[in-house]
PDB file of N, CA and C in Angstrom:
ATOM      1  N   UNK A   1     -13.029   5.088  20.754  1.00  0.00           N
ATOM      2  CA  UNK A   1     -13.344   4.773  19.378  1.00  0.00           C
ATOM      3  C   UNK A   1     -14.847   4.935  19.165  1.00  0.00           C
ATOM      4  N   UNK A   2     -15.245   5.558  18.101  1.00  0.00           N
ATOM      5  CA  UNK A   2     -16.640   5.770  17.787  1.00  0.00           C
ATOM      6  C   UNK A   2     -17.192   4.549  17.066  1.00  0.00           C
ATOM      7  N   UNK A   3     -18.327   3.992  17.544  1.00  0.00           N
ATOM      8  CA  UNK A   3     -18.937   2.873  16.842  1.00  0.00           C
ATOM      9  C   UNK A   3     -19.373   3.286  15.445  1.00  0.00           C
ATOM     10  N   UNK A   4     -19.347   2.356  14.532  1.00  0.00           N
ATOM     11  CA  UNK A   4     -19.729   2.614  13.152  1.00  0.00           C
ATOM     12  C   UNK A   4     -21.116   2.037  12.870  1.00  0.00           C
ATOM     13  N   UNK A   5     -21.757   2.522  11.829  1.00  0.00           N
ATOM     14  CA  UNK A   5     -23.046   2.011  11.366  1.00  0.00           C
ATOM     15  C   UNK A   5     -22.875   1.527   9.932  1.00  0.00           C
ATOM     16  N   UNK A   6     -22.346   0.319   9.735  1.00  0.00           N
ATOM     17  CA  UNK A   6     -22.057  -0.146   8.380  1.00  0.00           C
ATOM     18  C   UNK A   6     -23.305  -0.501   7.573  1.00  0.00           C
ATOM     19  N   UNK A   7     -24.430  -0.681   8.222  1.00  0.00           N
ATOM     20  CA  UNK A   7     -25.654  -1.045   7.528  1.00  0.00           C
ATOM     21  C   UNK A   7     -26.779  -0.107   7.949  1.00  0.00           C
ATOM     22  N   UNK A   8     -27.773  -0.012   7.101  1.00  0.00           N
ATOM     23  CA  UNK A   8     -28.947   0.797   7.425  1.00  0.00           C
ATOM     24  C   UNK A   8     -30.139  -0.139   7.585  1.00  0.00           C
ATOM     25  N   UNK A   9     -30.871   0.028   8.649  1.00  0.00           N
ATOM     26  CA  UNK A   9     -32.086  -0.744   8.894  1.00  0.00           C
ATOM     27  C   UNK A   9     -33.239   0.236   9.056  1.00  0.00           C
ATOM     28  N   UNK A  10     -34.416  -0.146   8.558  1.00  0.00           N
ATOM     29  CA  UNK A  10     -35.584   0.722   8.629  1.00  0.00           C
ATOM     30  C   UNK A  10     -36.362   0.584   9.933  1.00  0.00           C
ATOM     31  N   UNK A  11     -36.281  -0.592  10.567  1.00  0.00           N
ATOM     32  CA  UNK A  11     -37.034  -0.813  11.801  1.00  0.00           C
ATOM     33  C   UNK A  11     -36.138  -1.474  12.847  1.00  0.00           C
ATOM     34  N   UNK A  12     -36.564  -1.382  14.082  1.00  0.00           N
ATOM     35  CA  UNK A  12     -35.834  -2.014  15.182  1.00  0.00           C
ATOM     36  C   UNK A  12     -35.782  -3.524  14.987  1.00  0.00           C
ATOM     37  N   UNK A  13     -36.901  -4.134  14.642  1.00  0.00           N
ATOM     38  CA  UNK A  13     -36.918  -5.590  14.469  1.00  0.00           C
ATOM     39  C   UNK A  13     -36.028  -6.026  13.307  1.00  0.00           C
ATOM     40  N   UNK A  14     -35.975  -5.242  12.239  1.00  0.00           N
ATOM     41  CA  UNK A  14     -35.091  -5.532  11.111  1.00  0.00           C
ATOM     42  C   UNK A  14     -33.628  -5.463  11.547  1.00  0.00           C
ATOM     43  N   UNK A  15     -33.303  -4.483  12.365  1.00  0.00           N
ATOM     44  CA  UNK A  15     -31.928  -4.345  12.855  1.00  0.00           C
ATOM     45  C   UNK A  15     -31.540  -5.537  13.728  1.00  0.00           C
ATOM     46  N   UNK A  16     -32.417  -5.931  14.635  1.00  0.00           N
ATOM     47  CA  UNK A  16     -32.115  -7.058  15.520  1.00  0.00           C
ATOM     48  C   UNK A  16     -31.930  -8.323  14.692  1.00  0.00           C
ATOM     49  N   UNK A  17     -32.802  -8.560  13.719  1.00  0.00           N
ATOM     50  CA  UNK A  17     -32.670  -9.741  12.853  1.00  0.00           C
ATOM     51  C   UNK A  17     -31.366  -9.700  12.065  1.00  0.00           C
ATOM     52  N   UNK A  18     -31.052  -8.538  11.488  1.00  0.00           N
ATOM     53  CA  UNK A  18     -29.818  -8.394  10.710  1.00  0.00           C
ATOM     54  C   UNK A  18     -28.579  -8.621  11.565  1.00  0.00           C
ATOM     55  N   UNK A  19     -28.596  -8.092  12.779  1.00  0.00           N
ATOM     56  CA  UNK A  19     -27.453  -8.271  13.680  1.00  0.00           C
ATOM     57  C   UNK A  19     -27.325  -9.731  14.102  1.00  0.00           C
ATOM     58  N   UNK A  20     -28.443 -10.404  14.352  1.00  0.00           N
ATOM     59  CA  UNK A  20     -28.388 -11.830  14.711  1.00  0.00           C
ATOM     60  C   UNK A  20     -27.764 -12.638  13.585  1.00  0.00           C
ATOM     61  N   UNK A  21     -28.127 -12.329  12.347  1.00  0.00           N
ATOM     62  CA  UNK A  21     -27.547 -13.024  11.192  1.00  0.00           C
ATOM     63  C   UNK A  21     -26.046 -12.789  11.099  1.00  0.00           C
ATOM     64  N   UNK A  22     -25.586 -11.678  11.654  1.00  0.00           N
ATOM     65  CA  UNK A  22     -24.163 -11.337  11.623  1.00  0.00           C
ATOM     66  C   UNK A  22     -23.441 -11.784  12.895  1.00  0.00           C
ATOM     67  N   UNK A  23     -24.116 -12.596  13.725  1.00  0.00           N
ATOM     68  CA  UNK A  23     -23.442 -13.180  14.882  1.00  0.00           C
ATOM     69  C   UNK A  23     -23.746 -12.554  16.221  1.00  0.00           C
ATOM     70  N   UNK A  24     -24.551 -11.511  16.266  1.00  0.00           N
ATOM     71  CA  UNK A  24     -24.910 -10.859  17.531  1.00  0.00           C
ATOM     72  C   UNK A  24     -26.150 -11.569  18.089  1.00  0.00           C
ATOM     73  N   UNK A  25     -25.935 -12.763  18.642  1.00  0.00           N
ATOM     74  CA  UNK A  25     -27.056 -13.652  18.957  1.00  0.00           C
ATOM     75  C   UNK A  25     -27.572 -13.551  20.386  1.00  0.00           C
ATOM     76  N   UNK A  26     -26.826 -12.948  21.278  1.00  0.00           N
ATOM     77  CA  UNK A  26     -27.245 -12.894  22.684  1.00  0.00           C
ATOM     78  C   UNK A  26     -27.966 -11.588  22.996  1.00  0.00           C
ATOM     79  N   UNK A  27     -28.880 -11.664  23.957  1.00  0.00           N
ATOM     80  CA  UNK A  27     -29.625 -10.486  24.406  1.00  0.00           C
ATOM     81  C   UNK A  27     -29.051 -10.018  25.737  1.00  0.00           C
ATOM     82  N   UNK A  28     -28.465  -8.847  25.723  1.00  0.00           N
ATOM     83  CA  UNK A  28     -27.904  -8.267  26.932  1.00  0.00           C
ATOM     84  C   UNK A  28     -28.910  -7.321  27.570  1.00  0.00           C
ATOM     85  N   UNK A  29     -28.832  -7.223  28.873  1.00  0.00           N
ATOM     86  CA  UNK A  29     -29.671  -6.314  29.644  1.00  0.00           C
ATOM     87  C   UNK A  29     -28.755  -5.293  30.321  1.00  0.00           C
ATOM     88  N   UNK A  30     -29.151  -4.027  30.269  1.00  0.00           N
ATOM     89  CA  UNK A  30     -28.387  -2.985  30.952  1.00  0.00           C
ATOM     90  C   UNK A  30     -28.559  -3.118  32.459  1.00  0.00           C
ATOM     91  N   UNK A  31     -27.466  -2.993  33.173  1.00  0.00           N
ATOM     92  CA  UNK A  31     -27.504  -2.895  34.628  1.00  0.00           C
ATOM     93  C   UNK A  31     -26.797  -1.607  35.004  1.00  0.00           C
ATOM     94  N   UNK A  32     -26.872  -1.231  36.251  1.00  0.00           N
ATOM     95  CA  UNK A  32     -26.254   0.024  36.687  1.00  0.00           C
ATOM     96  C   UNK A  32     -24.774   0.096  36.331  1.00  0.00           C
ATOM     97  N   UNK A  33     -24.057  -1.005  36.498  1.00  0.00           N
ATOM     98  CA  UNK A  33     -22.603  -0.989  36.310  1.00  0.00           C
ATOM     99  C   UNK A  33     -22.122  -1.838  35.145  1.00  0.00           C
ATOM    100  N   UNK A  34     -23.013  -2.260  34.254  1.00  0.00           N
ATOM    101  CA  UNK A  34     -22.558  -3.060  33.126  1.00  0.00           C
ATOM    102  C   UNK A  34     -23.701  -3.710  32.378  1.00  0.00           C
ATOM    103  N   UNK A  35     -23.414  -4.905  31.876  1.00  0.00           N
ATOM    104  CA  UNK A  35     -24.390  -5.683  31.126  1.00  0.00           C
ATOM    105  C   UNK A  35     -24.500  -7.056  31.749  1.00  0.00           C
ATOM    106  N   UNK A  36     -25.671  -7.658  31.600  1.00  0.00           N
ATOM    107  CA  UNK A  36     -25.774  -9.056  31.975  1.00  0.00           C
ATOM    108  C   UNK A  36     -26.544  -9.797  30.901  1.00  0.00           C
ATOM    109  N   UNK A  37     -26.235 -11.067  30.807  1.00  0.00           N
ATOM    110  CA  UNK A  37     -26.865 -11.945  29.837  1.00  0.00           C
ATOM    111  C   UNK A  37     -27.293 -13.193  30.598  1.00  0.00           C
ATOM    112  N   UNK A  38     -28.548 -13.593  30.422  1.00  0.00           N
ATOM    113  CA  UNK A  38     -29.056 -14.759  31.138  1.00  0.00           C
ATOM    114  C   UNK A  38     -28.476 -16.054  30.576  1.00  0.00           C
ATOM    115  N   UNK A  39     -28.341 -16.143  29.266  1.00  0.00           N
ATOM    116  CA  UNK A  39     -27.830 -17.358  28.634  1.00  0.00           C
ATOM    117  C   UNK A  39     -26.866 -16.981  27.534  1.00  0.00           C
ATOM    118  N   UNK A  40     -25.588 -17.145  27.637  1.00  0.00           N
ATOM    119  CA  UNK A  40     -24.926 -17.766  28.777  1.00  0.00           C
ATOM    120  C   UNK A  40     -24.922 -16.805  29.968  1.00  0.00           C
ATOM    121  N   UNK A  41     -24.901 -17.347  31.147  1.00  0.00           N
ATOM    122  CA  UNK A  41     -24.889 -16.517  32.363  1.00  0.00           C
ATOM    123  C   UNK A  41     -23.577 -15.725  32.366  1.00  0.00           C
ATOM    124  N   UNK A  42     -23.732 -14.409  32.218  1.00  0.00           N
ATOM    125  CA  UNK A  42     -22.560 -13.568  32.000  1.00  0.00           C
ATOM    126  C   UNK A  42     -22.838 -12.164  32.513  1.00  0.00           C
ATOM    127  N   UNK A  43     -21.853 -11.576  33.153  1.00  0.00           N
ATOM    128  CA  UNK A  43     -21.913 -10.170  33.549  1.00  0.00           C
ATOM    129  C   UNK A  43     -20.667  -9.480  33.017  1.00  0.00           C
ATOM    130  N   UNK A  44     -20.865  -8.322  32.409  1.00  0.00           N
ATOM    131  CA  UNK A  44     -19.763  -7.572  31.819  1.00  0.00           C
ATOM    132  C   UNK A  44     -19.720  -6.168  32.397  1.00  0.00           C
ATOM    133  N   UNK A  45     -18.535  -5.727  32.767  1.00  0.00           N
ATOM    134  CA  UNK A  45     -18.320  -4.333  33.171  1.00  0.00           C
ATOM    135  C   UNK A  45     -17.999  -3.528  31.910  1.00  0.00           C
ATOM    136  N   UNK A  46     -18.066  -2.213  31.968  1.00  0.00           N
ATOM    137  CA  UNK A  46     -17.807  -1.399  30.770  1.00  0.00           C
ATOM    138  C   UNK A  46     -16.464  -1.714  30.095  1.00  0.00           C
ATOM    139  N   UNK A  47     -15.455  -2.033  30.855  1.00  0.00           N
ATOM    140  CA  UNK A  47     -14.150  -2.329  30.252  1.00  0.00           C
ATOM    141  C   UNK A  47     -14.083  -3.722  29.619  1.00  0.00           C
ATOM    142  N   UNK A  48     -15.131  -4.541  29.807  1.00  0.00           N
ATOM    143  CA  UNK A  48     -15.150  -5.907  29.287  1.00  0.00           C
ATOM    144  C   UNK A  48     -15.830  -6.040  27.935  1.00  0.00           C
ATOM    145  N   UNK A  49     -16.397  -4.948  27.399  1.00  0.00           N
ATOM    146  CA  UNK A  49     -17.090  -5.048  26.117  1.00  0.00           C
ATOM    147  C   UNK A  49     -16.895  -3.785  25.296  1.00  0.00           C
ATOM    148  N   UNK A  50     -17.164  -3.919  24.004  1.00  0.00           N
ATOM    149  CA  UNK A  50     -17.114  -2.799  23.070  1.00  0.00           C
ATOM    150  C   UNK A  50     -18.456  -2.652  22.385  1.00  0.00           C
ATOM    151  N   UNK A  51     -18.832  -1.423  22.084  1.00  0.00           N
ATOM    152  CA  UNK A  51     -19.999  -1.153  21.255  1.00  0.00           C
ATOM    153  C   UNK A  51     -19.487  -1.113  19.823  1.00  0.00           C
ATOM    154  N   UNK A  52     -19.876  -2.100  19.023  1.00  0.00           N
ATOM    155  CA  UNK A  52     -19.386  -2.205  17.649  1.00  0.00           C
ATOM    156  C   UNK A  52     -20.153  -1.295  16.692  1.00  0.00           C
ATOM    157  N   UNK A  53     -21.443  -1.161  16.939  1.00  0.00           N
ATOM    158  CA  UNK A  53     -22.270  -0.266  16.130  1.00  0.00           C
ATOM    159  C   UNK A  53     -23.579  -0.024  16.870  1.00  0.00           C
ATOM    160  N   UNK A  54     -24.325   0.946  16.398  1.00  0.00           N
ATOM    161  CA  UNK A  54     -25.629   1.252  16.976  1.00  0.00           C
ATOM    162  C   UNK A  54     -26.547   1.723  15.868  1.00  0.00           C
ATOM    163  N   UNK A  55     -27.852   1.605  16.120  1.00  0.00           N
ATOM    164  CA  UNK A  55     -28.854   2.042  15.155  1.00  0.00           C
ATOM    165  C   UNK A  55     -29.986   2.706  15.925  1.00  0.00           C
ATOM    166  N   UNK A  56     -30.340   3.923  15.517  1.00  0.00           N
ATOM    167  CA  UNK A  56     -31.412   4.685  16.165  1.00  0.00           C
ATOM    168  C   UNK A  56     -32.685   4.600  15.332  1.00  0.00           C
ATOM    169  N   UNK A  57     -33.805   4.587  16.045  1.00  0.00           N
ATOM    170  CA  UNK A  57     -35.112   4.570  15.384  1.00  0.00           C
ATOM    171  C   UNK A  57     -36.014   5.556  16.094  1.00  0.00           C
ATOM    172  N   UNK A  58     -36.709   6.370  15.309  1.00  0.00           N
ATOM    173  CA  UNK A  58     -37.618   7.357  15.882  1.00  0.00           C
ATOM    174  C   UNK A  58     -39.042   6.980  15.533  1.00  0.00           C
ATOM    175  N   UNK A  59     -39.916   7.065  16.535  1.00  0.00           N
ATOM    176  CA  UNK A  59     -41.326   6.745  16.311  1.00  0.00           C
ATOM    177  C   UNK A  59     -41.937   7.693  15.303  1.00  0.00           C
ATOM    178  N   UNK A  60     -42.708   7.153  14.355  1.00  0.00           N
ATOM    179  CA  UNK A  60     -43.319   7.984  13.320  1.00  0.00           C
ATOM    180  C   UNK A  60     -44.393   8.906  13.883  1.00  0.00           C
ATOM    181  N   UNK A  61     -45.183   8.387  14.808  1.00  0.00           N
ATOM    182  CA  UNK A  61     -46.287   9.190  15.321  1.00  0.00           C
ATOM    183  C   UNK A  61     -45.968   9.864  16.650  1.00  0.00           C
ATOM    184  N   UNK A  62     -44.992   9.326  17.371  1.00  0.00           N
ATOM    185  CA  UNK A  62     -44.697   9.865  18.696  1.00  0.00           C
ATOM    186  C   UNK A  62     -43.179   9.834  18.928  1.00  0.00           C
ATOM    187  N   UNK A  63     -42.539  10.990  19.040  1.00  0.00           N
ATOM    188  CA  UNK A  63     -41.093  11.019  19.277  1.00  0.00           C
ATOM    189  C   UNK A  63     -40.677  10.270  20.538  1.00  0.00           C
ATOM    190  N   UNK A  64     -41.597  10.086  21.477  1.00  0.00           N
ATOM    191  CA  UNK A  64     -41.277   9.356  22.701  1.00  0.00           C
ATOM    192  C   UNK A  64     -41.100   7.865  22.437  1.00  0.00           C
ATOM    193  N   UNK A  65     -41.492   7.395  21.246  1.00  0.00           N
ATOM    194  CA  UNK A  65     -41.344   5.991  20.888  1.00  0.00           C
ATOM    195  C   UNK A  65     -39.976   5.688  20.284  1.00  0.00           C
ATOM    196  N   UNK A  66     -39.030   6.555  20.474  1.00  0.00           N
ATOM    197  CA  UNK A  66     -37.700   6.368  19.907  1.00  0.00           C
ATOM    198  C   UNK A  66     -36.928   5.300  20.657  1.00  0.00           C
ATOM    199  N   UNK A  67     -36.067   4.585  19.921  1.00  0.00           N
ATOM    200  CA  UNK A  67     -35.267   3.532  20.538  1.00  0.00           C
ATOM    201  C   UNK A  67     -33.924   3.424  19.829  1.00  0.00           C
ATOM    202  N   UNK A  68     -33.038   2.673  20.447  1.00  0.00           N
ATOM    203  CA  UNK A  68     -31.714   2.432  19.885  1.00  0.00           C
ATOM    204  C   UNK A  68     -31.351   0.978  20.156  1.00  0.00           C
ATOM    205  N   UNK A  69     -30.653   0.374  19.216  1.00  0.00           N
ATOM    206  CA  UNK A  69     -30.119  -0.971  19.415  1.00  0.00           C
ATOM    207  C   UNK A  69     -28.595  -0.873  19.281  1.00  0.00           C
ATOM    208  N   UNK A  70     -27.905  -1.465  20.236  1.00  0.00           N
ATOM    209  CA  UNK A  70     -26.443  -1.495  20.239  1.00  0.00           C
ATOM    210  C   UNK A  70     -25.989  -2.911  19.909  1.00  0.00           C
ATOM    211  N   UNK A  71     -25.015  -3.048  19.034  1.00  0.00           N
ATOM    212  CA  UNK A  71     -24.344  -4.321  18.784  1.00  0.00           C
ATOM    213  C   UNK A  71     -23.078  -4.296  19.628  1.00  0.00           C
ATOM    214  N   UNK A  72     -22.951  -5.256  20.544  1.00  0.00           N
ATOM    215  CA  UNK A  72     -21.812  -5.268  21.454  1.00  0.00           C
ATOM    216  C   UNK A  72     -21.084  -6.594  21.373  1.00  0.00           C
ATOM    217  N   UNK A  73     -19.799  -6.551  21.682  1.00  0.00           N
ATOM    218  CA  UNK A  73     -19.006  -7.774  21.743  1.00  0.00           C
ATOM    219  C   UNK A  73     -18.118  -7.727  22.979  1.00  0.00           C
ATOM    220  N   UNK A  74     -18.030  -8.882  23.640  1.00  0.00           N
ATOM    221  CA  UNK A  74     -17.195  -8.973  24.839  1.00  0.00           C
ATOM    222  C   UNK A  74     -15.753  -9.207  24.435  1.00  0.00           C
ATOM    223  N   UNK A  75     -14.861  -9.012  25.357  1.00  0.00           N
ATOM    224  CA  UNK A  75     -13.436  -9.275  25.106  1.00  0.00           C
ATOM    225  C   UNK A  75     -13.211 -10.751  24.800  1.00  0.00           C
ATOM    226  N   UNK A  76     -14.155 -11.619  25.226  1.00  0.00           N
ATOM    227  CA  UNK A  76     -14.074 -13.060  24.975  1.00  0.00           C
ATOM    228  C   UNK A  76     -14.731 -13.459  23.664  1.00  0.00           C
ATOM    229  N   UNK A  77     -15.248 -12.492  22.904  1.00  0.00           N
ATOM    230  CA  UNK A  77     -15.833 -12.778  21.603  1.00  0.00           C
ATOM    231  C   UNK A  77     -17.318 -13.084  21.610  1.00  0.00           C
ATOM    232  N   UNK A  78     -17.991 -12.920  22.738  1.00  0.00           N
ATOM    233  CA  UNK A  78     -19.440 -13.124  22.791  1.00  0.00           C
ATOM    234  C   UNK A  78     -20.111 -11.868  22.262  1.00  0.00           C
ATOM    235  N   UNK A  79     -20.989 -12.047  21.271  1.00  0.00           N
ATOM    236  CA  UNK A  79     -21.631 -10.915  20.615  1.00  0.00           C
ATOM    237  C   UNK A  79     -23.134 -10.933  20.852  1.00  0.00           C
ATOM    238  N   UNK A  80     -23.699  -9.746  21.106  1.00  0.00           N
ATOM    239  CA  UNK A  80     -25.121  -9.647  21.333  1.00  0.00           C
ATOM    240  C   UNK A  80     -25.626  -8.239  21.141  1.00  0.00           C
ATOM    241  N   UNK A  81     -26.885  -8.027  21.525  1.00  0.00           N
ATOM    242  CA  UNK A  81     -27.526  -6.729  21.342  1.00  0.00           C
ATOM    243  C   UNK A  81     -28.100  -6.229  22.659  1.00  0.00           C
ATOM    244  N   UNK A  82     -28.207  -4.908  22.731  1.00  0.00           N
ATOM    245  CA  UNK A  82     -28.908  -4.219  23.808  1.00  0.00           C
ATOM    246  C   UNK A  82     -29.938  -3.340  23.107  1.00  0.00           C
ATOM    247  N   UNK A  83     -31.171  -3.387  23.549  1.00  0.00           N
ATOM    248  CA  UNK A  83     -32.166  -2.446  23.039  1.00  0.00           C
ATOM    249  C   UNK A  83     -32.561  -1.520  24.165  1.00  0.00           C
ATOM    250  N   UNK A  84     -32.818  -0.268  23.818  1.00  0.00           N
ATOM    251  CA  UNK A  84     -33.109   0.741  24.824  1.00  0.00           C
ATOM    252  C   UNK A  84     -33.969   1.830  24.208  1.00  0.00           C
ATOM    253  N   UNK A  85     -34.935   2.294  24.961  1.00  0.00           N
ATOM    254  CA  UNK A  85     -35.657   3.505  24.575  1.00  0.00           C
ATOM    255  C   UNK A  85     -34.741   4.671  24.921  1.00  0.00           C
ATOM    256  N   UNK A  86     -34.712   5.696  24.121  1.00  0.00           N
ATOM    257  CA  UNK A  86     -33.812   6.827  24.380  1.00  0.00           C
ATOM    258  C   UNK A  86     -33.966   7.303  25.805  1.00  0.00           C
ATOM    259  N   UNK A  87     -32.897   7.209  26.546  1.00  0.00           N
ATOM    260  CA  UNK A  87     -32.874   7.773  27.876  1.00  0.00           C
ATOM    261  C   UNK A  87     -33.647   7.018  28.929  1.00  0.00           C
ATOM    262  N   UNK A  88     -34.308   5.926  28.572  1.00  0.00           N
ATOM    263  CA  UNK A  88     -35.153   5.233  29.544  1.00  0.00           C
ATOM    264  C   UNK A  88     -34.366   4.737  30.741  1.00  0.00           C
ATOM    265  N   UNK A  89     -33.152   4.252  30.516  1.00  0.00           N
ATOM    266  CA  UNK A  89     -32.370   3.684  31.603  1.00  0.00           C
ATOM    267  C   UNK A  89     -31.225   4.588  32.048  1.00  0.00           C
ATOM    268  N   UNK A  90     -31.054   5.693  31.391  1.00  0.00           N
ATOM    269  CA  UNK A  90     -29.893   6.548  31.643  1.00  0.00           C
ATOM    270  C   UNK A  90     -29.794   7.003  33.087  1.00  0.00           C
ATOM    271  N   UNK A  91     -30.907   7.247  33.721  1.00  0.00           N
ATOM    272  CA  UNK A  91     -30.887   7.771  35.084  1.00  0.00           C
ATOM    273  C   UNK A  91     -30.209   6.819  36.058  1.00  0.00           C
ATOM    274  N   UNK A  92     -30.360   5.510  35.877  1.00  0.00           N
ATOM    275  CA  UNK A  92     -29.810   4.551  36.818  1.00  0.00           C
ATOM    276  C   UNK A  92     -28.432   4.027  36.477  1.00  0.00           C
ATOM    277  N   UNK A  93     -27.841   4.463  35.369  1.00  0.00           N
ATOM    278  CA  UNK A  93     -26.554   3.932  34.946  1.00  0.00           C
ATOM    279  C   UNK A  93     -25.391   4.692  35.566  1.00  0.00           C
ATOM    280  N   UNK A  94     -24.300   3.968  35.785  1.00  0.00           N
ATOM    281  CA  UNK A  94     -23.086   4.594  36.291  1.00  0.00           C
ATOM    282  C   UNK A  94     -22.490   5.500  35.213  1.00  0.00           C
ATOM    283  N   UNK A  95     -21.596   6.388  35.618  1.00  0.00           N
ATOM    284  CA  UNK A  95     -20.926   7.270  34.669  1.00  0.00           C
ATOM    285  C   UNK A  95     -20.185   6.450  33.611  1.00  0.00           C
ATOM    286  N   UNK A  96     -19.536   5.366  34.023  1.00  0.00           N
ATOM    287  CA  UNK A  96     -18.774   4.530  33.089  1.00  0.00           C
ATOM    288  C   UNK A  96     -19.688   3.917  32.025  1.00  0.00           C
ATOM    289  N   UNK A  97     -20.884   3.480  32.443  1.00  0.00           N
ATOM    290  CA  UNK A  97     -21.822   2.912  31.474  1.00  0.00           C
ATOM    291  C   UNK A  97     -22.383   3.985  30.554  1.00  0.00           C
ATOM    292  N   UNK A  98     -22.707   5.137  31.097  1.00  0.00           N
ATOM    293  CA  UNK A  98     -23.192   6.238  30.260  1.00  0.00           C
ATOM    294  C   UNK A  98     -22.142   6.621  29.216  1.00  0.00           C
ATOM    295  N   UNK A  99     -20.894   6.686  29.637  1.00  0.00           N
ATOM    296  CA  UNK A  99     -19.818   7.023  28.722  1.00  0.00           C
ATOM    297  C   UNK A  99     -19.648   5.950  27.651  1.00  0.00           C
ATOM    298  N   UNK A 100     -19.773   4.692  28.030  1.00  0.00           N
ATOM    299  CA  UNK A 100     -19.616   3.594  27.081  1.00  0.00           C
ATOM    300  C   UNK A 100     -20.706   3.606  26.025  1.00  0.00           C
ATOM    301  N   UNK A 101     -21.935   3.957  26.397  1.00  0.00           N
ATOM    302  CA  UNK A 101     -23.064   3.914  25.485  1.00  0.00           C
ATOM    303  C   UNK A 101     -23.350   5.236  24.792  1.00  0.00           C
ATOM    304  N   UNK A 102     -22.544   6.241  25.100  1.00  0.00           N
ATOM    305  CA  UNK A 102     -22.745   7.557  24.482  1.00  0.00           C
ATOM    306  C   UNK A 102     -22.610   7.459  22.972  1.00  0.00           C
ATOM    307  N   UNK A 103     -23.571   8.014  22.275  1.00  0.00           N
ATOM    308  CA  UNK A 103     -23.572   7.998  20.814  1.00  0.00           C
ATOM    309  C   UNK A 103     -22.967   9.308  20.329  1.00  0.00           C
ATOM    310  N   UNK A 104     -21.919   9.205  19.554  1.00  0.00           N
ATOM    311  CA  UNK A 104     -21.212  10.391  19.057  1.00  0.00           C
ATOM    312  C   UNK A 104     -21.854  10.927  17.809  1.00  0.00           C
TER     313      UNK A 104
END
C-alpha cells in the first residue's frame, strides 16, 4: 500500500508539529532491522508497523539539506515519526527496511 500525503507542510518542523497534533507523538529511530523508541521502550520490525504518510523537504540553498518525515503506526496503535535526511541511513538498513520506507 502506498502511503498518502493528506496534508501539505512547508517545513520539517511544521510537519512534525502537525503530526504530533494528529497523534503521532513518539520519536522513532531507524535501526538496521526496524525502528526503536526510547519512551515507551519499544522495538518494531518492518512487519510490525505501517508508514501512514510521508513528507519531503528540500533545502532551499543546498539540495544536500533535503529531509523526509514519516508518520508511522505500530500494529498496537502506537503512532510516531521518523525523520531522515535523504539517503543518510539507507546504506545500513536491511532490504526489508529499505522496502518499507521506499517512497513511491
